[in-house]
Amino acid sequence: MANALERWLSRLSKDNDQIDADLLTSSADAVGAQHCNSCVQGQVVTVQGRLRAVDLKPAESLATLVAELYDGTDSVDLVWLGRRSIPGIEPGRTIKVRGRIAQHNGNKCIFNPDYELRPVHA
């Protein structure tokens, strides 16, 4: 009983962004995904989080779809080369991805990741 009360009081003292980050991290832990903040270049990872932004960045000859995945600890850019859109890849969607961590423009990224759209409540 005291534990439940402590958790409830703890939630009252956190802002909404921190509560959301904690929920995203717990959700990633529940499916065995790694945390974005512990991913290093060259490592093959499975991460899960919510898409914060999705943007089409046309290059000279190759369209590039870029989505920012946030898991509550850090973010990773997901980059699909040659794609203008992907059904279900939209801001606010929860997604689980697998791929090799690279660096692009100073950010962690995964090029052409394997992905699984998660249920809206996940």
N, C-alpha and C. Protein backbone atom coordinates (compact mmCIF):
# COMPACT_ATOMS: atom_id res chain seq x y z
N MET A 1 0.82 -1.19 0.00
CA MET A 1 0.00 0.00 0.00
C MET A 1 0.87 1.26 0.00
N ALA A 2 1.92 1.26 0.83
CA ALA A 2 2.80 2.42 0.88
C ALA A 2 3.51 2.61 -0.46
N ASN A 3 3.85 1.51 -1.13
CA ASN A 3 4.49 1.59 -2.44
C ASN A 3 3.61 2.28 -3.46
N ALA A 4 2.34 1.93 -3.48
CA ALA A 4 1.39 2.55 -4.42
C ALA A 4 1.26 4.04 -4.13
N LEU A 5 1.21 4.39 -2.88
CA LEU A 5 1.11 5.80 -2.49
C LEU A 5 2.36 6.57 -2.92
N GLU A 6 3.53 5.96 -2.74
CA GLU A 6 4.77 6.61 -3.15
C GLU A 6 4.80 6.83 -4.66
N ARG A 7 4.37 5.84 -5.44
CA ARG A 7 4.33 5.99 -6.89
C ARG A 7 3.36 7.11 -7.29
N TRP A 8 2.22 7.15 -6.65
CA TRP A 8 1.22 8.17 -6.96
C TRP A 8 1.77 9.56 -6.64
N LEU A 9 2.41 9.71 -5.49
CA LEU A 9 2.99 11.01 -5.12
C LEU A 9 4.13 11.39 -6.06
N SER A 10 4.90 10.39 -6.48
CA SER A 10 5.99 10.64 -7.41
C SER A 10 5.46 11.17 -8.74
N ARG A 11 4.35 10.58 -9.22
CA ARG A 11 3.76 11.03 -10.48
C ARG A 11 3.24 12.46 -10.38
N LEU A 12 2.75 12.84 -9.20
CA LEU A 12 2.26 14.20 -9.03
C LEU A 12 3.38 15.23 -9.16
N SER A 13 4.60 14.84 -8.78
CA SER A 13 5.70 15.79 -8.81
C SER A 13 6.40 15.85 -10.16
N LYS A 14 6.05 14.97 -11.11
CA LYS A 14 6.68 14.97 -12.43
C LYS A 14 5.82 15.74 -13.43
N ASP A 15 6.49 16.32 -14.42
CA ASP A 15 5.72 16.98 -15.48
C ASP A 15 5.28 15.94 -16.52
N ASN A 16 4.40 16.32 -17.40
CA ASN A 16 3.83 15.40 -18.38
C ASN A 16 4.89 14.80 -19.30
N ASP A 17 5.89 15.59 -19.67
CA ASP A 17 6.94 15.07 -20.56
C ASP A 17 7.73 13.95 -19.88
N GLN A 18 8.02 14.10 -18.59
CA GLN A 18 8.76 13.06 -17.87
C GLN A 18 7.91 11.81 -17.70
N ILE A 19 6.63 11.98 -17.43
CA ILE A 19 5.73 10.82 -17.31
C ILE A 19 5.66 10.08 -18.64
N ASP A 20 5.53 10.82 -19.75
CA ASP A 20 5.50 10.21 -21.07
C ASP A 20 6.80 9.48 -21.37
N ALA A 21 7.93 10.08 -21.03
CA ALA A 21 9.23 9.43 -21.25
C ALA A 21 9.34 8.14 -20.45
N ASP A 22 8.87 8.15 -19.21
CA ASP A 22 8.89 6.94 -18.37
C ASP A 22 8.02 5.84 -18.98
N LEU A 23 6.85 6.21 -19.51
CA LEU A 23 5.97 5.22 -20.13
C LEU A 23 6.60 4.63 -21.40
N LEU A 24 7.23 5.47 -22.21
CA LEU A 24 7.90 4.98 -23.41
C LEU A 24 9.04 4.03 -23.06
N THR A 25 9.82 4.38 -22.05
CA THR A 25 10.93 3.54 -21.62
C THR A 25 10.42 2.20 -21.09
N SER A 26 9.36 2.23 -20.31
CA SER A 26 8.77 0.99 -19.78
C SER A 26 8.25 0.12 -20.91
N SER A 27 7.63 0.73 -21.90
CA SER A 27 7.10 -0.01 -23.05
C SER A 27 8.23 -0.67 -23.83
N ALA A 28 9.34 0.03 -24.01
CA ALA A 28 10.50 -0.54 -24.70
C ALA A 28 11.08 -1.71 -23.90
N ASP A 29 11.17 -1.54 -22.59
CA ASP A 29 11.67 -2.61 -21.73
C ASP A 29 10.80 -3.86 -21.83
N ALA A 30 9.49 -3.65 -21.91
CA ALA A 30 8.54 -4.77 -21.93
C ALA A 30 8.70 -5.65 -23.17
N VAL A 31 9.19 -5.09 -24.29
CA VAL A 31 9.37 -5.89 -25.50
C VAL A 31 10.83 -6.28 -25.72
N GLY A 32 11.69 -5.97 -24.75
CA GLY A 32 13.09 -6.35 -24.84
C GLY A 32 13.93 -5.46 -25.75
N ALA A 33 13.46 -4.26 -26.03
CA ALA A 33 14.20 -3.33 -26.88
C ALA A 33 15.30 -2.63 -26.09
N GLN A 34 16.34 -2.22 -26.80
CA GLN A 34 17.41 -1.46 -26.19
C GLN A 34 17.00 -0.01 -26.04
N HIS A 35 17.66 0.70 -25.14
CA HIS A 35 17.41 2.13 -24.99
C HIS A 35 18.27 2.89 -25.99
N CYS A 36 17.70 3.89 -26.61
CA CYS A 36 18.42 4.68 -27.61
C CYS A 36 19.69 5.31 -27.06
N ASN A 37 19.67 5.70 -25.80
CA ASN A 37 20.85 6.37 -25.24
C ASN A 37 22.03 5.43 -25.06
N SER A 38 21.81 4.10 -25.14
CA SER A 38 22.91 3.15 -24.99
C SER A 38 23.38 2.58 -26.33
N CYS A 39 22.76 3.00 -27.43
CA CYS A 39 23.14 2.50 -28.75
C CYS A 39 24.41 3.20 -29.24
N VAL A 40 25.31 2.41 -29.83
CA VAL A 40 26.56 2.98 -30.35
C VAL A 40 26.72 2.62 -31.82
N GLN A 41 27.49 3.43 -32.51
CA GLN A 41 27.69 3.27 -33.93
C GLN A 41 28.22 1.87 -34.25
N GLY A 42 27.63 1.25 -35.29
CA GLY A 42 28.04 -0.07 -35.74
C GLY A 42 27.27 -1.22 -35.10
N GLN A 43 26.57 -0.94 -34.03
CA GLN A 43 25.82 -1.96 -33.30
C GLN A 43 24.49 -2.24 -33.99
N VAL A 44 24.11 -3.51 -34.10
CA VAL A 44 22.79 -3.88 -34.60
C VAL A 44 21.86 -3.87 -33.39
N VAL A 45 20.78 -3.08 -33.49
CA VAL A 45 19.90 -2.87 -32.34
C VAL A 45 18.44 -3.08 -32.71
N THR A 46 17.66 -3.32 -31.67
CA THR A 46 16.20 -3.27 -31.76
C THR A 46 15.77 -2.21 -30.77
N VAL A 47 15.07 -1.20 -31.27
CA VAL A 47 14.58 -0.12 -30.42
C VAL A 47 13.10 0.08 -30.69
N GLN A 48 12.41 0.58 -29.68
CA GLN A 48 10.99 0.89 -29.83
C GLN A 48 10.72 2.25 -29.23
N GLY A 49 9.87 3.01 -29.89
CA GLY A 49 9.52 4.33 -29.38
C GLY A 49 8.42 4.95 -30.21
N ARG A 50 8.22 6.22 -29.97
CA ARG A 50 7.19 6.98 -30.67
C ARG A 50 7.84 7.90 -31.69
N LEU A 51 7.23 8.00 -32.86
CA LEU A 51 7.74 8.90 -33.89
C LEU A 51 7.36 10.33 -33.54
N ARG A 52 8.35 11.16 -33.36
CA ARG A 52 8.11 12.57 -33.03
C ARG A 52 7.86 13.40 -34.28
N ALA A 53 8.58 13.09 -35.34
CA ALA A 53 8.47 13.87 -36.57
C ALA A 53 8.77 12.97 -37.76
N VAL A 54 8.12 13.26 -38.87
CA VAL A 54 8.37 12.55 -40.13
C VAL A 54 8.51 13.62 -41.20
N ASP A 55 9.59 13.51 -41.98
CA ASP A 55 9.89 14.57 -42.95
C ASP A 55 10.42 13.97 -44.24
N LEU A 56 9.98 14.49 -45.37
CA LEU A 56 10.50 14.10 -46.67
C LEU A 56 11.62 15.06 -47.02
N LYS A 57 12.81 14.52 -47.26
CA LYS A 57 13.95 15.35 -47.60
C LYS A 57 14.44 14.96 -48.98
N PRO A 58 13.92 15.63 -50.00
CA PRO A 58 14.36 15.26 -51.34
C PRO A 58 15.82 15.63 -51.56
N ALA A 59 16.57 14.66 -51.97
CA ALA A 59 17.97 14.91 -52.33
C ALA A 59 18.01 15.17 -53.83
N GLU A 60 19.20 15.35 -54.38
CA GLU A 60 19.33 15.67 -55.81
C GLU A 60 18.61 14.63 -56.67
N SER A 61 18.84 13.37 -56.42
CA SER A 61 18.22 12.35 -57.27
C SER A 61 17.47 11.29 -56.46
N LEU A 62 17.48 11.37 -55.15
CA LEU A 62 16.91 10.31 -54.33
C LEU A 62 16.08 10.91 -53.20
N ALA A 63 14.79 10.62 -53.22
CA ALA A 63 13.93 11.07 -52.12
C ALA A 63 14.33 10.31 -50.87
N THR A 64 14.23 10.96 -49.72
CA THR A 64 14.60 10.35 -48.45
C THR A 64 13.54 10.68 -47.41
N LEU A 65 12.97 9.65 -46.81
CA LEU A 65 12.00 9.83 -45.73
C LEU A 65 12.74 9.67 -44.41
N VAL A 66 12.63 10.68 -43.54
CA VAL A 66 13.33 10.67 -42.26
C VAL A 66 12.30 10.80 -41.15
N ALA A 67 12.38 9.90 -40.16
CA ALA A 67 11.49 9.95 -39.00
C ALA A 67 12.33 9.93 -37.73
N GLU A 68 11.95 10.75 -36.76
CA GLU A 68 12.66 10.77 -35.48
C GLU A 68 11.92 9.87 -34.50
N LEU A 69 12.61 8.82 -34.03
CA LEU A 69 12.05 7.90 -33.04
C LEU A 69 12.59 8.27 -31.67
N TYR A 70 11.69 8.47 -30.70
CA TYR A 70 12.07 8.82 -29.32
C TYR A 70 11.56 7.72 -28.40
N ASP A 71 12.45 7.20 -27.54
CA ASP A 71 12.07 6.10 -26.65
C ASP A 71 12.03 6.47 -25.17
N GLY A 72 12.13 7.75 -24.88
CA GLY A 72 12.12 8.21 -23.49
C GLY A 72 13.51 8.46 -22.94
N THR A 73 14.55 7.94 -23.63
CA THR A 73 15.93 8.16 -23.18
C THR A 73 16.71 9.03 -24.17
N ASP A 74 16.43 8.87 -25.45
CA ASP A 74 17.15 9.58 -26.51
C ASP A 74 16.38 9.34 -27.81
N SER A 75 16.87 9.89 -28.89
CA SER A 75 16.20 9.67 -30.17
C SER A 75 17.18 9.12 -31.19
N VAL A 76 16.61 8.46 -32.20
CA VAL A 76 17.36 7.90 -33.32
C VAL A 76 16.58 8.28 -34.58
N ASP A 77 17.29 8.78 -35.59
CA ASP A 77 16.65 9.08 -36.86
C ASP A 77 16.54 7.80 -37.68
N LEU A 78 15.37 7.56 -38.24
CA LEU A 78 15.14 6.44 -39.14
C LEU A 78 15.12 6.99 -40.54
N VAL A 79 15.97 6.48 -41.42
CA VAL A 79 16.13 7.04 -42.75
C VAL A 79 15.83 5.97 -43.79
N TRP A 80 14.78 6.21 -44.59
CA TRP A 80 14.44 5.31 -45.68
C TRP A 80 14.84 5.99 -46.98
N LEU A 81 15.82 5.44 -47.65
CA LEU A 81 16.30 6.00 -48.91
C LEU A 81 15.38 5.58 -50.04
N GLY A 82 15.06 6.53 -50.92
CA GLY A 82 14.22 6.24 -52.08
C GLY A 82 12.74 6.14 -51.78
N ARG A 83 12.32 6.57 -50.61
CA ARG A 83 10.90 6.50 -50.23
C ARG A 83 10.37 7.91 -50.01
N ARG A 84 9.19 8.17 -50.52
CA ARG A 84 8.51 9.46 -50.30
C ARG A 84 7.52 9.37 -49.15
N SER A 85 6.99 8.18 -48.94
CA SER A 85 6.07 7.95 -47.82
C SER A 85 5.99 6.45 -47.57
N ILE A 86 5.56 6.11 -46.36
CA ILE A 86 5.33 4.71 -45.98
C ILE A 86 4.04 4.72 -45.17
N PRO A 87 3.04 3.94 -45.58
CA PRO A 87 1.79 3.91 -44.82
C PRO A 87 2.04 3.54 -43.34
N GLY A 88 1.47 4.33 -42.45
CA GLY A 88 1.61 4.09 -41.01
C GLY A 88 2.78 4.81 -40.37
N ILE A 89 3.73 5.28 -41.17
CA ILE A 89 4.86 6.04 -40.62
C ILE A 89 4.41 7.49 -40.54
N GLU A 90 3.98 7.87 -39.34
CA GLU A 90 3.43 9.21 -39.12
C GLU A 90 3.70 9.64 -37.68
N PRO A 91 3.78 10.94 -37.44
CA PRO A 91 4.05 11.43 -36.08
C PRO A 91 3.04 10.88 -35.08
N GLY A 92 3.54 10.49 -33.92
CA GLY A 92 2.69 9.97 -32.85
C GLY A 92 2.55 8.46 -32.87
N ARG A 93 3.00 7.80 -33.93
CA ARG A 93 2.87 6.35 -34.05
C ARG A 93 3.98 5.65 -33.29
N THR A 94 3.65 4.57 -32.60
CA THR A 94 4.65 3.76 -31.91
C THR A 94 5.16 2.71 -32.90
N ILE A 95 6.48 2.53 -32.91
CA ILE A 95 7.12 1.64 -33.89
C ILE A 95 8.29 0.93 -33.23
N LYS A 96 8.50 -0.30 -33.65
CA LYS A 96 9.66 -1.09 -33.20
C LYS A 96 10.51 -1.31 -34.44
N VAL A 97 11.81 -1.00 -34.35
CA VAL A 97 12.70 -1.11 -35.51
C VAL A 97 13.95 -1.90 -35.17
N ARG A 98 14.54 -2.47 -36.23
CA ARG A 98 15.80 -3.19 -36.08
C ARG A 98 16.72 -2.77 -37.21
N GLY A 99 17.96 -2.50 -36.86
CA GLY A 99 18.94 -2.12 -37.86
C GLY A 99 20.27 -1.76 -37.22
N ARG A 100 21.21 -1.33 -38.06
CA ARG A 100 22.56 -0.98 -37.58
C ARG A 100 22.64 0.52 -37.35
N ILE A 101 23.14 0.89 -36.18
CA ILE A 101 23.30 2.31 -35.82
C ILE A 101 24.44 2.92 -36.65
N ALA A 102 24.16 4.07 -37.22
CA ALA A 102 25.15 4.85 -37.97
C ALA A 102 25.09 6.28 -37.45
N GLN A 103 25.96 7.12 -37.97
CA GLN A 103 25.94 8.55 -37.65
C GLN A 103 25.67 9.30 -38.95
N HIS A 104 24.75 10.28 -38.88
CA HIS A 104 24.46 11.11 -40.04
C HIS A 104 24.15 12.51 -39.54
N ASN A 105 24.91 13.48 -40.01
CA ASN A 105 24.75 14.88 -39.57
C ASN A 105 24.84 15.00 -38.06
N GLY A 106 25.69 14.20 -37.43
CA GLY A 106 25.89 14.27 -35.99
C GLY A 106 24.84 13.57 -35.15
N ASN A 107 23.88 12.90 -35.79
CA ASN A 107 22.82 12.21 -35.06
C ASN A 107 22.93 10.71 -35.26
N LYS A 108 22.46 9.95 -34.27
CA LYS A 108 22.34 8.51 -34.44
C LYS A 108 21.24 8.25 -35.45
N CYS A 109 21.47 7.28 -36.33
CA CYS A 109 20.43 6.95 -37.30
C CYS A 109 20.50 5.48 -37.67
N ILE A 110 19.43 5.00 -38.27
CA ILE A 110 19.37 3.67 -38.85
C ILE A 110 18.85 3.84 -40.27
N PHE A 111 19.63 3.38 -41.24
CA PHE A 111 19.22 3.46 -42.63
C PHE A 111 18.38 2.25 -43.00
N ASN A 112 17.25 2.49 -43.66
CA ASN A 112 16.35 1.44 -44.15
C ASN A 112 16.08 0.35 -43.10
N PRO A 113 15.59 0.74 -41.92
CA PRO A 113 15.39 -0.25 -40.86
C PRO A 113 14.24 -1.20 -41.17
N ASP A 114 14.32 -2.41 -40.62
CA ASP A 114 13.16 -3.29 -40.57
C ASP A 114 12.26 -2.68 -39.51
N TYR A 115 10.96 -2.67 -39.72
CA TYR A 115 10.08 -2.03 -38.75
C TYR A 115 8.80 -2.80 -38.56
N GLU A 116 8.22 -2.58 -37.40
CA GLU A 116 6.94 -3.18 -37.04
C GLU A 116 6.10 -2.09 -36.40
N LEU A 117 4.98 -1.79 -37.03
CA LEU A 117 4.06 -0.80 -36.44
C LEU A 117 3.41 -1.43 -35.22
N ARG A 118 3.40 -0.72 -34.13
CA ARG A 118 2.83 -1.23 -32.88
C ARG A 118 1.42 -0.70 -32.72
N PRO A 119 0.60 -1.40 -31.94
CA PRO A 119 -0.75 -0.90 -31.68
C PRO A 119 -0.68 0.49 -31.08
N VAL A 120 -1.70 1.26 -31.32
CA VAL A 120 -1.74 2.65 -30.88
C VAL A 120 -1.54 2.77 -29.37
N HIS A 121 -2.07 1.83 -28.58
CA HIS A 121 -1.96 1.91 -27.12
C HIS A 121 -0.60 1.46 -26.59
N ALA A 122 0.29 0.89 -27.42
CA ALA A 122 1.58 0.35 -26.95
C ALA A 122 2.57 1.45 -26.67
